[in-house]
Amino acid sequence: MLLVGAIKVAQRIQQAIHDQSIPHALSDVKDIVTVSLGITSLIPTCDIKPDTLIVSADKALYNAKQKGRDHYCTH
């Protein structure tokens, strides 16, 4: 359930960036600035180290960029 909320936030962030229409002349993706996002969610326990969340989000971000940038992915 938390992941659904995180996805909605990611979509709002992407829309806010698009709405700014900031020029990005050197981009091979779009002529405006875009954002790719890695989304993850977990319920913390004593067995889960804080960097687990960061590693998971980083993997999701990498996957989003592999899709061609200006995407979000979950992990």
PDB file of N, CA and C in Angstrom:
ATOM      1  N   MET A   1       0.819  -1.190   0.000  1.00  0.00           N
ATOM      2  CA  MET A   1       0.000   0.000   0.000  1.00  0.00           C
ATOM      3  C   MET A   1       0.868   1.261   0.000  1.00  0.00           C
ATOM      4  N   LEU A   2       1.980   1.242   0.739  1.00  0.00           N
ATOM      5  CA  LEU A   2       2.867   2.397   0.773  1.00  0.00           C
ATOM      6  C   LEU A   2       3.485   2.656  -0.595  1.00  0.00           C
ATOM      7  N   LEU A   3       3.729   1.604  -1.330  1.00  0.00           N
ATOM      8  CA  LEU A   3       4.335   1.746  -2.645  1.00  0.00           C
ATOM      9  C   LEU A   3       3.405   2.513  -3.589  1.00  0.00           C
ATOM     10  N   VAL A   4       2.110   2.290  -3.482  1.00  0.00           N
ATOM     11  CA  VAL A   4       1.145   2.999  -4.322  1.00  0.00           C
ATOM     12  C   VAL A   4       1.236   4.503  -4.065  1.00  0.00           C
ATOM     13  N   GLY A   5       1.336   4.888  -2.809  1.00  0.00           N
ATOM     14  CA  GLY A   5       1.482   6.300  -2.470  1.00  0.00           C
ATOM     15  C   GLY A   5       2.785   6.880  -2.988  1.00  0.00           C
ATOM     16  N   ALA A   6       3.846   6.113  -2.903  1.00  0.00           N
ATOM     17  CA  ALA A   6       5.148   6.569  -3.402  1.00  0.00           C
ATOM     18  C   ALA A   6       5.116   6.769  -4.911  1.00  0.00           C
ATOM     19  N   ILE A   7       4.419   5.915  -5.601  1.00  0.00           N
ATOM     20  CA  ILE A   7       4.294   6.047  -7.061  1.00  0.00           C
ATOM     21  C   ILE A   7       3.535   7.334  -7.397  1.00  0.00           C
ATOM     22  N   LYS A   8       2.487   7.626  -6.657  1.00  0.00           N
ATOM     23  CA  LYS A   8       1.728   8.858  -6.900  1.00  0.00           C
ATOM     24  C   LYS A   8       2.610  10.086  -6.672  1.00  0.00           C
ATOM     25  N   VAL A   9       3.431  10.053  -5.640  1.00  0.00           N
ATOM     26  CA  VAL A   9       4.354  11.165  -5.385  1.00  0.00           C
ATOM     27  C   VAL A   9       5.344  11.293  -6.535  1.00  0.00           C
ATOM     28  N   ALA A  10       5.880  10.173  -7.009  1.00  0.00           N
ATOM     29  CA  ALA A  10       6.825  10.194  -8.130  1.00  0.00           C
ATOM     30  C   ALA A  10       6.172  10.794  -9.374  1.00  0.00           C
ATOM     31  N   GLN A  11       4.937  10.425  -9.636  1.00  0.00           N
ATOM     32  CA  GLN A  11       4.235  10.971 -10.797  1.00  0.00           C
ATOM     33  C   GLN A  11       4.043  12.477 -10.659  1.00  0.00           C
ATOM     34  N   ARG A  12       3.734  12.939  -9.454  1.00  0.00           N
ATOM     35  CA  ARG A  12       3.581  14.378  -9.222  1.00  0.00           C
ATOM     36  C   ARG A  12       4.904  15.112  -9.412  1.00  0.00           C
ATOM     37  N   ILE A  13       5.983  14.503  -8.945  1.00  0.00           N
ATOM     38  CA  ILE A  13       7.306  15.112  -9.124  1.00  0.00           C
ATOM     39  C   ILE A  13       7.627  15.225 -10.609  1.00  0.00           C
ATOM     40  N   GLN A  14       7.419  14.146 -11.336  1.00  0.00           N
ATOM     41  CA  GLN A  14       7.689  14.184 -12.778  1.00  0.00           C
ATOM     42  C   GLN A  14       6.845  15.253 -13.463  1.00  0.00           C
ATOM     43  N   GLN A  15       5.574  15.348 -13.107  1.00  0.00           N
ATOM     44  CA  GLN A  15       4.703  16.342 -13.732  1.00  0.00           C
ATOM     45  C   GLN A  15       5.163  17.756 -13.390  1.00  0.00           C
ATOM     46  N   ALA A  16       5.566  17.973 -12.148  1.00  0.00           N
ATOM     47  CA  ALA A  16       6.043  19.300 -11.742  1.00  0.00           C
ATOM     48  C   ALA A  16       7.294  19.697 -12.519  1.00  0.00           C
ATOM     49  N   ILE A  17       8.185  18.743 -12.748  1.00  0.00           N
ATOM     50  CA  ILE A  17       9.399  19.018 -13.534  1.00  0.00           C
ATOM     51  C   ILE A  17       9.021  19.319 -14.988  1.00  0.00           C
ATOM     52  N   HIS A  18       8.123  18.532 -15.548  1.00  0.00           N
ATOM     53  CA  HIS A  18       7.693  18.768 -16.931  1.00  0.00           C
ATOM     54  C   HIS A  18       7.032  20.134 -17.066  1.00  0.00           C
ATOM     55  N   ASP A  19       6.205  20.493 -16.086  1.00  0.00           N
ATOM     56  CA  ASP A  19       5.488  21.769 -16.135  1.00  0.00           C
ATOM     57  C   ASP A  19       6.440  22.968 -16.134  1.00  0.00           C
ATOM     58  N   GLN A  20       7.632  22.795 -15.596  1.00  0.00           N
ATOM     59  CA  GLN A  20       8.620  23.878 -15.581  1.00  0.00           C
ATOM     60  C   GLN A  20       9.205  24.139 -16.961  1.00  0.00           C
ATOM     61  N   SER A  21       9.187  23.130 -17.817  1.00  0.00           N
ATOM     62  CA  SER A  21       9.724  23.231 -19.186  1.00  0.00           C
ATOM     63  C   SER A  21      11.107  23.875 -19.218  1.00  0.00           C
ATOM     64  N   ILE A  22      11.989  23.392 -18.377  1.00  0.00           N
ATOM     65  CA  ILE A  22      13.353  23.915 -18.304  1.00  0.00           C
ATOM     66  C   ILE A  22      14.129  23.380 -19.513  1.00  0.00           C
ATOM     67  N   PRO A  23      14.656  24.258 -20.344  1.00  0.00           N
ATOM     68  CA  PRO A  23      15.381  23.802 -21.539  1.00  0.00           C
ATOM     69  C   PRO A  23      16.593  22.928 -21.188  1.00  0.00           C
ATOM     70  N   HIS A  24      16.797  21.901 -22.003  1.00  0.00           N
ATOM     71  CA  HIS A  24      17.942  21.005 -21.831  1.00  0.00           C
ATOM     72  C   HIS A  24      18.486  20.676 -23.224  1.00  0.00           C
ATOM     73  N   ALA A  25      19.183  21.630 -23.771  1.00  0.00           N
ATOM     74  CA  ALA A  25      19.639  21.539 -25.154  1.00  0.00           C
ATOM     75  C   ALA A  25      20.578  20.368 -25.417  1.00  0.00           C
ATOM     76  N   LEU A  26      21.330  19.930 -24.423  1.00  0.00           N
ATOM     77  CA  LEU A  26      22.313  18.870 -24.640  1.00  0.00           C
ATOM     78  C   LEU A  26      21.752  17.463 -24.436  1.00  0.00           C
ATOM     79  N   SER A  27      20.484  17.352 -24.090  1.00  0.00           N
ATOM     80  CA  SER A  27      19.884  16.047 -23.829  1.00  0.00           C
ATOM     81  C   SER A  27      19.600  15.304 -25.121  1.00  0.00           C
ATOM     82  N   ASP A  28      19.837  14.000 -25.107  1.00  0.00           N
ATOM     83  CA  ASP A  28      19.461  13.174 -26.253  1.00  0.00           C
ATOM     84  C   ASP A  28      18.110  12.496 -26.014  1.00  0.00           C
ATOM     85  N   VAL A  29      17.462  12.836 -24.892  1.00  0.00           N
ATOM     86  CA  VAL A  29      16.170  12.242 -24.548  1.00  0.00           C
ATOM     87  C   VAL A  29      15.037  13.213 -24.874  1.00  0.00           C
ATOM     88  N   LYS A  30      15.104  14.394 -24.293  1.00  0.00           N
ATOM     89  CA  LYS A  30      14.087  15.423 -24.519  1.00  0.00           C
ATOM     90  C   LYS A  30      14.764  16.776 -24.513  1.00  0.00           C
ATOM     91  N   ASP A  31      14.068  17.759 -25.054  1.00  0.00           N
ATOM     92  CA  ASP A  31      14.646  19.099 -25.083  1.00  0.00           C
ATOM     93  C   ASP A  31      14.384  19.890 -23.806  1.00  0.00           C
ATOM     94  N   ILE A  32      13.730  19.245 -22.830  1.00  0.00           N
ATOM     95  CA  ILE A  32      13.544  19.851 -21.511  1.00  0.00           C
ATOM     96  C   ILE A  32      14.107  18.911 -20.441  1.00  0.00           C
ATOM     97  N   VAL A  33      14.364  19.464 -19.269  1.00  0.00           N
ATOM     98  CA  VAL A  33      14.868  18.664 -18.150  1.00  0.00           C
ATOM     99  C   VAL A  33      13.797  17.659 -17.747  1.00  0.00           C
ATOM    100  N   THR A  34      14.224  16.428 -17.510  1.00  0.00           N
ATOM    101  CA  THR A  34      13.333  15.359 -17.051  1.00  0.00           C
ATOM    102  C   THR A  34      13.939  14.726 -15.809  1.00  0.00           C
ATOM    103  N   VAL A  35      13.186  13.840 -15.195  1.00  0.00           N
ATOM    104  CA  VAL A  35      13.682  13.173 -13.993  1.00  0.00           C
ATOM    105  C   VAL A  35      13.310  11.695 -14.043  1.00  0.00           C
ATOM    106  N   SER A  36      14.261  10.860 -13.676  1.00  0.00           N
ATOM    107  CA  SER A  36      14.005   9.439 -13.486  1.00  0.00           C
ATOM    108  C   SER A  36      14.055   9.170 -11.991  1.00  0.00           C
ATOM    109  N   LEU A  37      13.201   8.269 -11.543  1.00  0.00           N
ATOM    110  CA  LEU A  37      13.083   8.012 -10.107  1.00  0.00           C
ATOM    111  C   LEU A  37      13.106   6.521  -9.812  1.00  0.00           C
ATOM    112  N   GLY A  38      13.770   6.178  -8.724  1.00  0.00           N
ATOM    113  CA  GLY A  38      13.761   4.810  -8.218  1.00  0.00           C
ATOM    114  C   GLY A  38      12.915   4.773  -6.963  1.00  0.00           C
ATOM    115  N   ILE A  39      11.928   3.894  -6.945  1.00  0.00           N
ATOM    116  CA  ILE A  39      10.974   3.839  -5.839  1.00  0.00           C
ATOM    117  C   ILE A  39      11.066   2.481  -5.156  1.00  0.00           C
ATOM    118  N   THR A  40      11.104   2.521  -3.851  1.00  0.00           N
ATOM    119  CA  THR A  40      11.079   1.278  -3.093  1.00  0.00           C
ATOM    120  C   THR A  40      10.360   1.519  -1.776  1.00  0.00           C
ATOM    121  N   SER A  41       9.928   0.465  -1.173  1.00  0.00           N
ATOM    122  CA  SER A  41       9.214   0.574   0.094  1.00  0.00           C
ATOM    123  C   SER A  41       9.444  -0.703   0.883  1.00  0.00           C
ATOM    124  N   LEU A  42       9.614  -0.547   2.163  1.00  0.00           N
ATOM    125  CA  LEU A  42       9.713  -1.722   3.026  1.00  0.00           C
ATOM    126  C   LEU A  42       9.298  -1.352   4.438  1.00  0.00           C
ATOM    127  N   ILE A  43       8.906  -2.336   5.161  1.00  0.00           N
ATOM    128  CA  ILE A  43       8.562  -2.140   6.570  1.00  0.00           C
ATOM    129  C   ILE A  43       9.818  -2.452   7.367  1.00  0.00           C
ATOM    130  N   PRO A  44      10.326  -1.473   8.103  1.00  0.00           N
ATOM    131  CA  PRO A  44      11.586  -1.686   8.824  1.00  0.00           C
ATOM    132  C   PRO A  44      11.454  -2.700   9.957  1.00  0.00           C
ATOM    133  N   THR A  45      12.512  -3.449  10.115  1.00  0.00           N
ATOM    134  CA  THR A  45      12.639  -4.364  11.244  1.00  0.00           C
ATOM    135  C   THR A  45      14.062  -4.246  11.764  1.00  0.00           C
ATOM    136  N   CYS A  46      14.326  -4.851  12.878  1.00  0.00           N
ATOM    137  CA  CYS A  46      15.678  -4.813  13.442  1.00  0.00           C
ATOM    138  C   CYS A  46      16.689  -5.535  12.555  1.00  0.00           C
ATOM    139  N   ASP A  47      16.217  -6.449  11.720  1.00  0.00           N
ATOM    140  CA  ASP A  47      17.097  -7.227  10.854  1.00  0.00           C
ATOM    141  C   ASP A  47      17.475  -6.503   9.561  1.00  0.00           C
ATOM    142  N   ILE A  48      16.770  -5.440   9.238  1.00  0.00           N
ATOM    143  CA  ILE A  48      17.019  -4.720   7.988  1.00  0.00           C
ATOM    144  C   ILE A  48      17.889  -3.508   8.271  1.00  0.00           C
ATOM    145  N   LYS A  49      19.017  -3.453   7.583  1.00  0.00           N
ATOM    146  CA  LYS A  49      19.929  -2.316   7.736  1.00  0.00           C
ATOM    147  C   LYS A  49      19.420  -1.143   6.901  1.00  0.00           C
ATOM    148  N   PRO A  50      19.687   0.092   7.333  1.00  0.00           N
ATOM    149  CA  PRO A  50      19.214   1.268   6.586  1.00  0.00           C
ATOM    150  C   PRO A  50      19.678   1.298   5.132  1.00  0.00           C
ATOM    151  N   ASP A  51      20.874   0.820   4.858  1.00  0.00           N
ATOM    152  CA  ASP A  51      21.364   0.876   3.479  1.00  0.00           C
ATOM    153  C   ASP A  51      20.617  -0.081   2.558  1.00  0.00           C
ATOM    154  N   THR A  52      19.851  -1.012   3.097  1.00  0.00           N
ATOM    155  CA  THR A  52      19.042  -1.914   2.282  1.00  0.00           C
ATOM    156  C   THR A  52      18.036  -1.121   1.462  1.00  0.00           C
ATOM    157  N   LEU A  53      17.419  -0.137   2.085  1.00  0.00           N
ATOM    158  CA  LEU A  53      16.453   0.708   1.394  1.00  0.00           C
ATOM    159  C   LEU A  53      17.132   1.519   0.289  1.00  0.00           C
ATOM    160  N   ILE A  54      18.298   2.048   0.581  1.00  0.00           N
ATOM    161  CA  ILE A  54      19.036   2.857  -0.395  1.00  0.00           C
ATOM    162  C   ILE A  54      19.470   2.005  -1.585  1.00  0.00           C
ATOM    163  N   VAL A  55      19.979   0.827  -1.328  1.00  0.00           N
ATOM    164  CA  VAL A  55      20.409  -0.072  -2.406  1.00  0.00           C
ATOM    165  C   VAL A  55      19.221  -0.443  -3.289  1.00  0.00           C
ATOM    166  N   SER A  56      18.087  -0.704  -2.678  1.00  0.00           N
ATOM    167  CA  SER A  56      16.893  -1.067  -3.436  1.00  0.00           C
ATOM    168  C   SER A  56      16.418   0.093  -4.312  1.00  0.00           C
ATOM    169  N   ALA A  57      16.412   1.294  -3.767  1.00  0.00           N
ATOM    170  CA  ALA A  57      16.003   2.478  -4.541  1.00  0.00           C
ATOM    171  C   ALA A  57      16.987   2.738  -5.677  1.00  0.00           C
ATOM    172  N   ASP A  58      18.269   2.524  -5.427  1.00  0.00           N
ATOM    173  CA  ASP A  58      19.286   2.720  -6.461  1.00  0.00           C
ATOM    174  C   ASP A  58      19.085   1.739  -7.613  1.00  0.00           C
ATOM    175  N   LYS A  59      18.758   0.496  -7.303  1.00  0.00           N
ATOM    176  CA  LYS A  59      18.484  -0.494  -8.356  1.00  0.00           C
ATOM    177  C   LYS A  59      17.268  -0.077  -9.179  1.00  0.00           C
ATOM    178  N   ALA A  60      16.254   0.420  -8.497  1.00  0.00           N
ATOM    179  CA  ALA A  60      15.057   0.877  -9.206  1.00  0.00           C
ATOM    180  C   ALA A  60      15.377   2.065 -10.104  1.00  0.00           C
ATOM    181  N   LEU A  61      16.202   2.991  -9.621  1.00  0.00           N
ATOM    182  CA  LEU A  61      16.607   4.144 -10.426  1.00  0.00           C
ATOM    183  C   LEU A  61      17.386   3.698 -11.661  1.00  0.00           C
ATOM    184  N   TYR A  62      18.304   2.768 -11.494  1.00  0.00           N
ATOM    185  CA  TYR A  62      19.073   2.240 -12.624  1.00  0.00           C
ATOM    186  C   TYR A  62      18.128   1.631 -13.670  1.00  0.00           C
ATOM    187  N   ASN A  63      17.148   0.865 -13.204  1.00  0.00           N
ATOM    188  CA  ASN A  63      16.173   0.259 -14.117  1.00  0.00           C
ATOM    189  C   ASN A  63      15.373   1.332 -14.858  1.00  0.00           C
ATOM    190  N   ALA A  64      15.014   2.393 -14.156  1.00  0.00           N
ATOM    191  CA  ALA A  64      14.263   3.480 -14.786  1.00  0.00           C
ATOM    192  C   ALA A  64      15.099   4.124 -15.892  1.00  0.00           C
ATOM    193  N   LYS A  65      16.364   4.354 -15.620  1.00  0.00           N
ATOM    194  CA  LYS A  65      17.241   4.965 -16.630  1.00  0.00           C
ATOM    195  C   LYS A  65      17.452   4.026 -17.823  1.00  0.00           C
ATOM    196  N   GLN A  66      17.476   2.729 -17.574  1.00  0.00           N
ATOM    197  CA  GLN A  66      17.626   1.764 -18.665  1.00  0.00           C
ATOM    198  C   GLN A  66      16.410   1.780 -19.595  1.00  0.00           C
ATOM    199  N   LYS A  67      15.269   2.183 -19.089  1.00  0.00           N
ATOM    200  CA  LYS A  67      14.054   2.259 -19.903  1.00  0.00           C
ATOM    201  C   LYS A  67      14.062   3.462 -20.839  1.00  0.00           C
ATOM    202  N   GLY A  68      15.074   4.286 -20.734  1.00  0.00           N
ATOM    203  CA  GLY A  68      15.171   5.417 -21.638  1.00  0.00           C
ATOM    204  C   GLY A  68      15.071   6.752 -20.949  1.00  0.00           C
ATOM    205  N   ARG A  69      15.257   6.803 -19.687  1.00  0.00           N
ATOM    206  CA  ARG A  69      15.196   8.033 -18.895  1.00  0.00           C
ATOM    207  C   ARG A  69      13.759   8.540 -18.809  1.00  0.00           C
ATOM    208  N   ASP A  70      13.562   9.523 -17.963  1.00  0.00           N
ATOM    209  CA  ASP A  70      12.257  10.131 -17.728  1.00  0.00           C
ATOM    210  C   ASP A  70      11.200   9.071 -17.379  1.00  0.00           C
ATOM    211  N   HIS A  71      11.610   8.112 -16.573  1.00  0.00           N
ATOM    212  CA  HIS A  71      10.722   7.051 -16.110  1.00  0.00           C
ATOM    213  C   HIS A  71      10.874   6.898 -14.597  1.00  0.00           C
ATOM    214  N   TYR A  72       9.997   6.101 -14.043  1.00  0.00           N
ATOM    215  CA  TYR A  72      10.200   5.645 -12.672  1.00  0.00           C
ATOM    216  C   TYR A  72      10.008   4.136 -12.669  1.00  0.00           C
ATOM    217  N   CYS A  73      10.707   3.488 -11.770  1.00  0.00           N
ATOM    218  CA  CYS A  73      10.581   2.044 -11.583  1.00  0.00           C
ATOM    219  C   CYS A  73      10.536   1.752 -10.094  1.00  0.00           C
ATOM    220  N   THR A  74       9.958   0.631  -9.780  1.00  0.00           N
ATOM    221  CA  THR A  74       9.923   0.187  -8.383  1.00  0.00           C
ATOM    222  C   THR A  74      10.816  -1.024  -8.217  1.00  0.00           C
ATOM    223  N   HIS A  75      11.219  -1.246  -6.990  1.00  0.00           N
ATOM    224  CA  HIS A  75      12.030  -2.426  -6.690  1.00  0.00           C
ATOM    225  C   HIS A  75      11.610  -2.959  -5.345  1.00  0.00           C
TER     226      HIS A  75
END
